[in-house]
N, C-alpha and C. Protein backbone atom coordinates (compact mmCIF):
# COMPACT_ATOMS: atom_id res chain seq x y z
N MET A 1 -20.55 -4.07 6.71
CA MET A 1 -20.28 -2.75 6.84
C MET A 1 -20.27 -2.22 8.30
N PRO A 2 -21.15 -2.61 9.20
CA PRO A 2 -21.29 -2.11 10.53
C PRO A 2 -19.88 -2.36 11.19
N GLN A 3 -19.26 -3.40 11.14
CA GLN A 3 -17.86 -3.53 11.67
C GLN A 3 -17.00 -2.56 11.11
N THR A 4 -16.96 -2.30 9.94
CA THR A 4 -16.12 -1.33 9.27
C THR A 4 -16.33 -0.05 9.91
N THR A 5 -17.64 0.45 10.00
CA THR A 5 -18.02 1.77 10.52
C THR A 5 -17.43 1.79 11.87
N ALA A 6 -17.71 0.74 12.86
CA ALA A 6 -17.11 0.85 14.16
C ALA A 6 -15.55 0.86 14.15
N LEU A 7 -15.06 0.29 13.22
CA LEU A 7 -13.56 0.32 13.34
C LEU A 7 -13.09 1.68 12.87
N LEU A 8 -13.90 2.24 11.92
CA LEU A 8 -13.20 3.65 11.44
C LEU A 8 -13.55 4.68 12.58
N GLN A 9 -14.74 4.59 13.17
CA GLN A 9 -15.05 5.39 14.30
C GLN A 9 -13.92 5.25 15.55
N GLN A 10 -13.65 3.90 15.70
CA GLN A 10 -12.49 3.78 16.77
C GLN A 10 -11.10 4.29 16.25
N ALA A 11 -10.97 4.20 15.00
CA ALA A 11 -9.63 4.67 14.56
C ALA A 11 -9.41 6.24 14.58
N THR A 12 -10.62 6.90 14.24
CA THR A 12 -10.75 8.37 14.24
C THR A 12 -10.39 8.80 15.73
N SER A 13 -11.17 8.09 16.74
CA SER A 13 -10.95 8.52 18.12
C SER A 13 -9.53 8.22 18.53
N GLN A 14 -8.88 7.22 18.22
CA GLN A 14 -7.68 6.75 18.64
C GLN A 14 -6.53 7.87 17.97
N CYS A 15 -6.74 8.10 16.72
CA CYS A 15 -5.82 9.19 16.18
C CYS A 15 -6.00 10.53 16.80
N GLN A 16 -7.27 10.98 17.07
CA GLN A 16 -7.46 12.21 17.71
C GLN A 16 -6.70 12.28 19.04
N ALA A 17 -6.88 11.09 19.96
CA ALA A 17 -6.36 11.03 21.26
C ALA A 17 -4.73 10.99 21.09
N ARG A 18 -4.16 10.54 20.08
CA ARG A 18 -2.74 10.49 19.88
C ARG A 18 -2.16 11.78 19.18
N GLY A 19 -3.07 12.79 18.80
CA GLY A 19 -2.73 13.79 18.07
C GLY A 19 -2.17 13.63 16.66
N VAL A 20 -2.52 12.60 16.04
CA VAL A 20 -1.99 12.23 14.62
C VAL A 20 -3.09 12.52 13.64
N ARG A 21 -2.84 12.73 12.43
CA ARG A 21 -4.04 12.97 11.29
C ARG A 21 -4.39 11.82 10.72
N PHE A 22 -5.72 11.52 10.82
CA PHE A 22 -6.33 10.44 10.04
C PHE A 22 -7.07 11.00 8.89
N THR A 23 -6.09 11.10 7.78
CA THR A 23 -6.56 11.77 6.53
C THR A 23 -7.61 11.03 5.76
N PRO A 24 -8.25 11.55 4.92
CA PRO A 24 -9.27 10.82 4.10
C PRO A 24 -8.68 9.64 3.35
N ILE A 25 -7.48 9.79 2.76
CA ILE A 25 -6.77 8.70 2.14
C ILE A 25 -6.46 7.42 3.22
N ARG A 26 -5.93 7.85 4.32
CA ARG A 26 -5.76 6.91 5.28
C ARG A 26 -6.97 6.19 5.70
N ARG A 27 -8.06 6.93 5.84
CA ARG A 27 -9.36 6.48 6.24
C ARG A 27 -9.85 5.55 5.13
N LYS A 28 -9.71 5.88 3.87
CA LYS A 28 -10.16 4.95 2.69
C LYS A 28 -9.42 3.83 2.53
N VAL A 29 -8.04 3.67 2.90
CA VAL A 29 -7.30 2.62 2.80
C VAL A 29 -7.63 1.51 3.96
N LEU A 30 -7.90 2.04 5.10
CA LEU A 30 -8.36 1.31 6.32
C LEU A 30 -9.64 0.80 5.90
N ALA A 31 -10.59 1.46 5.41
CA ALA A 31 -11.89 1.00 5.06
C ALA A 31 -11.74 -0.20 3.98
N LEU A 32 -10.94 0.02 2.97
CA LEU A 32 -10.83 -0.95 2.00
C LEU A 32 -10.26 -2.37 2.57
N ILE A 33 -9.21 -2.06 3.52
CA ILE A 33 -8.65 -3.33 4.03
C ILE A 33 -9.72 -4.12 4.88
N ALA A 34 -10.41 -3.25 5.72
CA ALA A 34 -11.56 -3.83 6.59
C ALA A 34 -12.53 -4.55 5.82
N GLN A 35 -12.84 -4.14 4.81
CA GLN A 35 -14.02 -4.61 3.90
C GLN A 35 -13.65 -5.97 3.25
N SER A 36 -12.21 -6.17 3.09
CA SER A 36 -11.79 -7.20 2.16
C SER A 36 -12.00 -8.74 2.93
N GLY A 37 -12.10 -8.72 4.33
CA GLY A 37 -12.24 -9.97 4.96
C GLY A 37 -10.99 -10.81 4.89
N GLY A 38 -10.03 -10.62 4.24
CA GLY A 38 -8.74 -11.43 4.15
C GLY A 38 -7.64 -10.41 3.97
N GLY A 39 -6.61 -10.85 3.57
CA GLY A 39 -5.33 -10.02 3.33
C GLY A 39 -5.48 -9.24 1.89
N LEU A 40 -5.11 -7.91 1.85
CA LEU A 40 -5.27 -7.19 0.73
C LEU A 40 -3.87 -6.60 0.30
N LYS A 41 -3.37 -6.93 -0.90
CA LYS A 41 -2.15 -6.37 -1.26
C LYS A 41 -2.01 -5.01 -1.61
N ALA A 42 -0.88 -4.36 -1.53
CA ALA A 42 -0.72 -3.08 -1.84
C ALA A 42 -1.19 -2.54 -3.22
N TYR A 43 -0.92 -3.27 -4.24
CA TYR A 43 -1.31 -2.91 -5.36
C TYR A 43 -2.78 -3.25 -5.78
N ASP A 44 -3.39 -4.19 -4.99
CA ASP A 44 -4.86 -4.30 -5.07
C ASP A 44 -5.55 -3.13 -4.34
N LEU A 45 -4.83 -2.54 -3.39
CA LEU A 45 -5.39 -1.39 -2.64
C LEU A 45 -5.35 -0.29 -3.64
N LEU A 46 -4.26 -0.15 -4.29
CA LEU A 46 -3.92 1.05 -5.25
C LEU A 46 -5.07 0.89 -6.30
N ASP A 47 -5.33 -0.21 -6.77
CA ASP A 47 -6.42 -0.35 -7.91
C ASP A 47 -7.81 -0.03 -7.29
N LYS A 48 -8.09 -0.26 -6.22
CA LYS A 48 -9.47 0.09 -5.63
C LYS A 48 -9.52 1.61 -5.37
N LEU A 49 -8.33 2.15 -4.81
CA LEU A 49 -8.25 3.29 -4.41
C LEU A 49 -8.28 4.38 -5.52
N SER A 50 -7.68 3.95 -6.72
CA SER A 50 -7.51 4.80 -7.87
C SER A 50 -8.99 5.14 -8.64
N THR A 51 -10.02 4.13 -8.30
CA THR A 51 -11.32 4.49 -8.72
C THR A 51 -11.94 5.71 -8.16
N GLU A 52 -11.55 6.06 -6.90
CA GLU A 52 -12.12 7.31 -6.37
C GLU A 52 -11.10 8.45 -6.21
N HIS A 53 -9.66 8.03 -6.29
CA HIS A 53 -8.63 9.09 -6.21
C HIS A 53 -7.69 8.80 -7.38
N ALA A 54 -7.96 9.44 -8.50
CA ALA A 54 -7.31 9.17 -9.59
C ALA A 54 -5.63 9.49 -9.43
N ALA A 55 -5.46 10.40 -8.61
CA ALA A 55 -3.97 10.76 -8.43
C ALA A 55 -3.31 9.67 -7.54
N ALA A 56 -3.91 8.72 -6.98
CA ALA A 56 -3.27 7.74 -6.10
C ALA A 56 -2.22 7.02 -6.84
N ARG A 57 -1.05 6.96 -6.14
CA ARG A 57 0.26 6.24 -6.62
C ARG A 57 0.55 5.30 -5.57
N PRO A 58 1.61 4.45 -6.00
CA PRO A 58 2.20 3.49 -4.79
C PRO A 58 2.69 4.26 -3.64
N PRO A 59 3.41 5.37 -3.75
CA PRO A 59 3.99 5.96 -2.48
C PRO A 59 2.71 6.37 -1.59
N THR A 60 1.69 6.82 -2.27
CA THR A 60 0.54 7.33 -1.31
C THR A 60 0.04 6.07 -0.52
N VAL A 61 -0.19 5.00 -1.20
CA VAL A 61 -0.72 3.72 -0.53
C VAL A 61 0.36 3.32 0.53
N TYR A 62 1.68 3.18 0.06
CA TYR A 62 2.56 2.77 1.14
C TYR A 62 2.69 3.79 2.24
N ARG A 63 2.63 4.94 2.18
CA ARG A 63 2.72 6.02 3.31
C ARG A 63 1.43 5.75 4.14
N ALA A 64 0.37 5.45 3.52
CA ALA A 64 -1.02 5.31 4.29
C ALA A 64 -0.76 3.92 5.19
N LEU A 65 -0.25 2.96 4.55
CA LEU A 65 -0.08 1.64 5.21
C LEU A 65 0.91 1.78 6.31
N ASP A 66 1.97 2.37 6.03
CA ASP A 66 3.00 2.71 7.05
C ASP A 66 2.36 3.37 8.41
N PHE A 67 1.60 4.31 8.13
CA PHE A 67 0.87 5.08 9.12
C PHE A 67 -0.06 4.03 9.91
N LEU A 68 -0.92 3.41 9.13
CA LEU A 68 -1.92 2.40 9.94
C LEU A 68 -1.30 1.52 10.67
N ILE A 69 -0.09 0.93 10.20
CA ILE A 69 0.68 -0.01 10.93
C ILE A 69 1.19 0.42 12.33
N GLU A 70 1.78 1.77 11.97
CA GLU A 70 2.43 2.47 13.29
C GLU A 70 1.46 2.71 14.32
N GLN A 71 0.18 3.01 13.86
CA GLN A 71 -0.89 3.25 14.81
C GLN A 71 -1.58 2.06 15.31
N GLY A 72 -1.26 0.86 14.82
CA GLY A 72 -1.73 -0.39 15.36
C GLY A 72 -3.09 -0.61 14.75
N LEU A 73 -3.60 -0.01 13.72
CA LEU A 73 -4.72 -0.34 13.03
C LEU A 73 -4.82 -1.41 11.92
N VAL A 74 -3.55 -1.65 11.53
CA VAL A 74 -3.40 -2.68 10.37
C VAL A 74 -2.20 -3.56 10.77
N HIS A 75 -2.35 -4.87 10.30
CA HIS A 75 -1.11 -5.79 10.46
C HIS A 75 -0.72 -6.22 9.06
N ARG A 76 0.50 -6.28 8.94
CA ARG A 76 1.02 -6.86 7.66
C ARG A 76 1.10 -8.44 7.82
N ILE A 77 0.62 -9.12 6.66
CA ILE A 77 0.72 -10.58 6.70
C ILE A 77 2.00 -10.92 5.92
N GLU A 78 3.05 -11.15 6.64
CA GLU A 78 4.31 -11.33 6.17
C GLU A 78 4.40 -12.43 5.01
N SER A 79 3.78 -13.45 5.23
CA SER A 79 3.87 -14.58 4.30
C SER A 79 3.23 -14.32 2.81
N GLN A 80 2.22 -13.32 2.90
CA GLN A 80 1.52 -13.00 1.76
C GLN A 80 1.75 -11.62 1.25
N ASN A 81 2.70 -10.80 1.94
CA ASN A 81 3.01 -9.52 1.61
C ASN A 81 1.52 -8.76 1.56
N ALA A 82 0.72 -8.95 2.38
CA ALA A 82 -0.62 -8.44 2.36
C ALA A 82 -0.95 -7.82 3.68
N TYR A 83 -2.16 -7.13 3.73
CA TYR A 83 -2.55 -6.25 4.93
C TYR A 83 -3.84 -6.76 5.42
N VAL A 84 -4.19 -6.72 6.67
CA VAL A 84 -5.43 -6.88 7.24
C VAL A 84 -5.76 -6.00 8.40
N ALA A 85 -6.90 -5.68 8.56
CA ALA A 85 -7.27 -4.71 9.59
C ALA A 85 -7.08 -5.26 11.00
N CYS A 86 -6.63 -4.53 11.93
CA CYS A 86 -6.41 -5.03 13.28
C CYS A 86 -7.94 -5.08 13.85
N ALA A 87 -8.21 -6.29 14.55
CA ALA A 87 -9.48 -6.51 15.10
C ALA A 87 -9.60 -5.74 16.45
N CYS A 88 -8.53 -5.50 17.02
CA CYS A 88 -8.51 -4.87 18.48
C CYS A 88 -7.35 -3.74 18.46
N PRO A 89 -7.62 -2.72 17.79
CA PRO A 89 -6.57 -1.76 17.69
C PRO A 89 -6.17 -1.27 19.14
N GLU A 90 -7.04 -1.19 20.21
CA GLU A 90 -6.77 -0.68 21.48
C GLU A 90 -5.85 -1.79 22.27
N HIS A 91 -5.75 -2.92 21.70
CA HIS A 91 -4.95 -4.06 22.38
C HIS A 91 -3.31 -3.71 22.16
N ALA A 92 -2.51 -3.51 23.13
CA ALA A 92 -1.23 -3.13 23.08
C ALA A 92 -0.25 -4.22 22.99
N HIS A 93 -0.77 -5.57 23.05
CA HIS A 93 0.28 -6.56 23.13
C HIS A 93 0.35 -7.24 21.77
N GLY A 94 1.13 -8.38 21.74
CA GLY A 94 1.26 -9.08 20.43
C GLY A 94 0.10 -9.88 19.92
N PHE A 95 0.06 -10.19 18.81
CA PHE A 95 -1.13 -10.93 18.22
C PHE A 95 -0.52 -12.05 17.29
N GLN A 96 -1.54 -12.94 17.02
CA GLN A 96 -1.36 -14.04 16.08
C GLN A 96 -2.34 -13.99 15.03
N LEU A 97 -2.03 -14.49 13.89
CA LEU A 97 -3.02 -14.56 12.80
C LEU A 97 -3.22 -15.93 12.37
N LEU A 98 -4.56 -16.22 12.22
CA LEU A 98 -4.86 -17.41 11.68
C LEU A 98 -5.32 -17.25 10.24
N ILE A 99 -4.69 -18.04 9.24
CA ILE A 99 -4.95 -17.62 7.91
C ILE A 99 -5.29 -18.91 7.24
N CYS A 100 -6.61 -18.96 6.70
CA CYS A 100 -6.98 -19.97 5.86
C CYS A 100 -6.47 -20.13 4.45
N ARG A 101 -5.71 -21.22 4.19
CA ARG A 101 -5.03 -21.34 2.91
C ARG A 101 -5.97 -21.54 1.79
N ARG A 102 -7.23 -21.95 2.13
CA ARG A 102 -8.20 -22.15 1.01
C ARG A 102 -8.99 -20.92 0.60
N CYS A 103 -9.65 -20.30 1.54
CA CYS A 103 -10.40 -19.09 1.16
C CYS A 103 -9.75 -17.71 1.50
N GLY A 104 -8.64 -17.75 2.29
CA GLY A 104 -7.95 -16.58 2.53
C GLY A 104 -8.46 -15.67 3.73
N HIS A 105 -9.40 -16.35 4.40
CA HIS A 105 -10.02 -15.61 5.56
C HIS A 105 -8.78 -15.47 6.59
N VAL A 106 -8.80 -14.28 7.27
CA VAL A 106 -7.74 -14.03 8.32
C VAL A 106 -8.41 -13.64 9.49
N GLU A 107 -8.01 -14.31 10.65
CA GLU A 107 -8.69 -13.96 11.97
C GLU A 107 -7.39 -13.57 12.89
N GLU A 108 -7.61 -12.53 13.79
CA GLU A 108 -6.60 -12.13 14.65
C GLU A 108 -6.99 -12.77 16.07
N ILE A 109 -6.00 -13.41 16.62
CA ILE A 109 -6.17 -13.71 18.03
C ILE A 109 -5.04 -13.13 18.93
N HIS A 110 -5.28 -13.15 20.30
CA HIS A 110 -4.31 -12.49 21.25
C HIS A 110 -4.02 -13.57 22.33
N LEU A 111 -2.97 -14.17 22.26
CA LEU A 111 -2.44 -15.04 23.33
C LEU A 111 -1.25 -14.39 23.90
N ASP A 112 -1.43 -13.27 24.80
CA ASP A 112 -0.36 -12.64 25.28
C ASP A 112 0.79 -13.21 25.85
N GLU A 113 0.33 -14.45 26.48
CA GLU A 113 1.49 -15.27 27.13
C GLU A 113 2.41 -15.76 26.18
N ILE A 114 2.16 -16.07 24.89
CA ILE A 114 3.04 -16.53 23.90
C ILE A 114 3.93 -15.37 23.61
N SER A 115 3.34 -14.29 23.20
CA SER A 115 4.24 -13.15 22.81
C SER A 115 5.25 -12.86 24.14
N ASP A 116 4.71 -12.82 25.26
CA ASP A 116 5.59 -12.55 26.40
C ASP A 116 6.62 -13.58 26.51
N GLN A 117 6.32 -14.80 26.33
CA GLN A 117 7.29 -15.75 26.55
C GLN A 117 8.42 -15.75 25.51
N LEU A 118 8.08 -15.51 24.15
CA LEU A 118 8.92 -15.31 23.11
C LEU A 118 9.80 -14.16 23.50
N ALA A 119 9.24 -13.01 23.89
CA ALA A 119 10.23 -11.70 24.03
C ALA A 119 11.12 -12.14 25.22
N ALA A 120 10.68 -12.74 26.34
CA ALA A 120 11.46 -13.07 27.48
C ALA A 120 12.62 -14.01 27.04
N ARG A 121 12.33 -15.05 26.29
CA ARG A 121 13.36 -16.04 25.76
C ARG A 121 14.40 -15.18 24.99
N ALA A 122 13.89 -14.40 23.98
CA ALA A 122 14.75 -13.63 23.22
C ALA A 122 15.72 -12.74 24.10
N GLU A 123 15.16 -12.12 25.21
CA GLU A 123 15.83 -11.26 26.04
C GLU A 123 16.86 -11.95 26.88
N ARG A 124 16.69 -13.16 27.16
CA ARG A 124 17.66 -14.00 27.82
C ARG A 124 18.81 -14.28 26.92
N LYS A 125 18.43 -14.38 25.68
CA LYS A 125 19.60 -14.57 24.54
C LYS A 125 20.24 -13.36 24.24
N GLY A 126 19.92 -12.20 24.87
CA GLY A 126 20.61 -10.89 24.52
C GLY A 126 20.02 -10.21 23.29
N PHE A 127 18.88 -10.68 22.99
CA PHE A 127 18.05 -10.14 21.67
C PHE A 127 16.88 -9.27 22.23
N ARG A 128 16.74 -8.19 21.39
CA ARG A 128 15.57 -7.21 21.83
C ARG A 128 14.75 -7.41 20.59
N VAL A 129 13.53 -7.62 20.88
CA VAL A 129 12.42 -7.96 19.92
C VAL A 129 11.84 -6.61 19.73
N GLU A 130 11.70 -6.15 18.35
CA GLU A 130 11.21 -4.96 17.97
C GLU A 130 9.78 -5.23 17.40
N ARG A 131 9.62 -6.52 16.79
CA ARG A 131 8.33 -6.64 16.31
C ARG A 131 8.19 -8.37 16.03
N GLN A 132 6.98 -8.78 16.41
CA GLN A 132 6.56 -10.16 16.25
C GLN A 132 5.54 -10.43 15.31
N THR A 133 5.72 -11.34 14.56
CA THR A 133 4.72 -11.84 13.50
C THR A 133 4.50 -13.32 13.71
N ILE A 134 3.29 -13.75 14.15
CA ILE A 134 3.17 -15.13 14.23
C ILE A 134 1.95 -15.34 13.34
N GLU A 135 2.17 -16.31 12.35
CA GLU A 135 1.07 -16.65 11.29
C GLU A 135 0.83 -18.15 11.36
N LEU A 136 -0.30 -18.54 11.58
CA LEU A 136 -0.76 -19.87 11.52
C LEU A 136 -1.57 -20.12 10.34
N GLN A 137 -1.19 -21.08 9.51
CA GLN A 137 -1.90 -21.31 8.31
C GLN A 137 -2.64 -22.77 8.51
N GLY A 138 -3.82 -22.76 7.79
CA GLY A 138 -4.65 -24.02 7.86
C GLY A 138 -5.87 -23.70 7.29
N LEU A 139 -6.85 -24.43 7.81
CA LEU A 139 -8.31 -24.36 7.16
C LEU A 139 -9.17 -23.74 8.33
N CYS A 140 -9.99 -22.82 7.96
CA CYS A 140 -10.98 -22.22 8.84
C CYS A 140 -12.21 -23.25 8.95
N ALA A 141 -13.02 -22.89 9.86
CA ALA A 141 -14.15 -23.78 10.27
C ALA A 141 -15.03 -24.02 8.93
N VAL A 142 -15.24 -23.00 8.25
CA VAL A 142 -16.15 -23.10 7.06
C VAL A 142 -15.49 -24.05 6.03
N CYS A 143 -14.27 -23.82 5.81
CA CYS A 143 -13.63 -24.66 4.80
C CYS A 143 -13.46 -26.18 5.20
N GLN A 144 -13.32 -26.28 6.44
CA GLN A 144 -13.26 -27.73 7.10
C GLN A 144 -14.62 -28.42 6.78
N THR A 145 -15.61 -27.69 6.96
CA THR A 145 -16.99 -28.19 6.85
C THR A 145 -17.23 -28.56 5.35
N GLU A 146 -16.89 -27.58 4.54
CA GLU A 146 -17.05 -27.85 2.97
C GLU A 146 -16.27 -29.14 2.53
N ARG A 147 -15.08 -29.21 3.20
CA ARG A 147 -14.25 -30.33 2.80
C ARG A 147 -14.88 -31.68 3.07
N ALA A 148 -15.42 -31.76 4.33
CA ALA A 148 -15.99 -33.07 4.79
C ALA A 148 -17.13 -33.61 3.89
């Protein structure tokens, strides 16, 4: 929970600095995602959220997710249609996700040179990149050890 607390404090500061509202629902959604340790699907979020907020409905969750993505606080795992908390919300460049196919653990890494090279190559082709999602799937260190 200490990492979640620090992430929520950073998110609060970041939203205040940007002049955007970090509502209790948005805060709770971010906390639930951060506590999951892996990707969390929207309907799983809704189930968890509805225990405290009986009025929570899918549009509520999706609006909160859209806001959190827009603010760089959450990433969407495209291959799983799930969401993970951003480990470095202050990091402005691209990111890559390491996804364990066995336990579901997700780790974020930042190899800016890869993102920059892809964007430059796309630009030379006349393509403007609006969003990059790079997901690497395999086995985390723990699952590799258990497998051996």
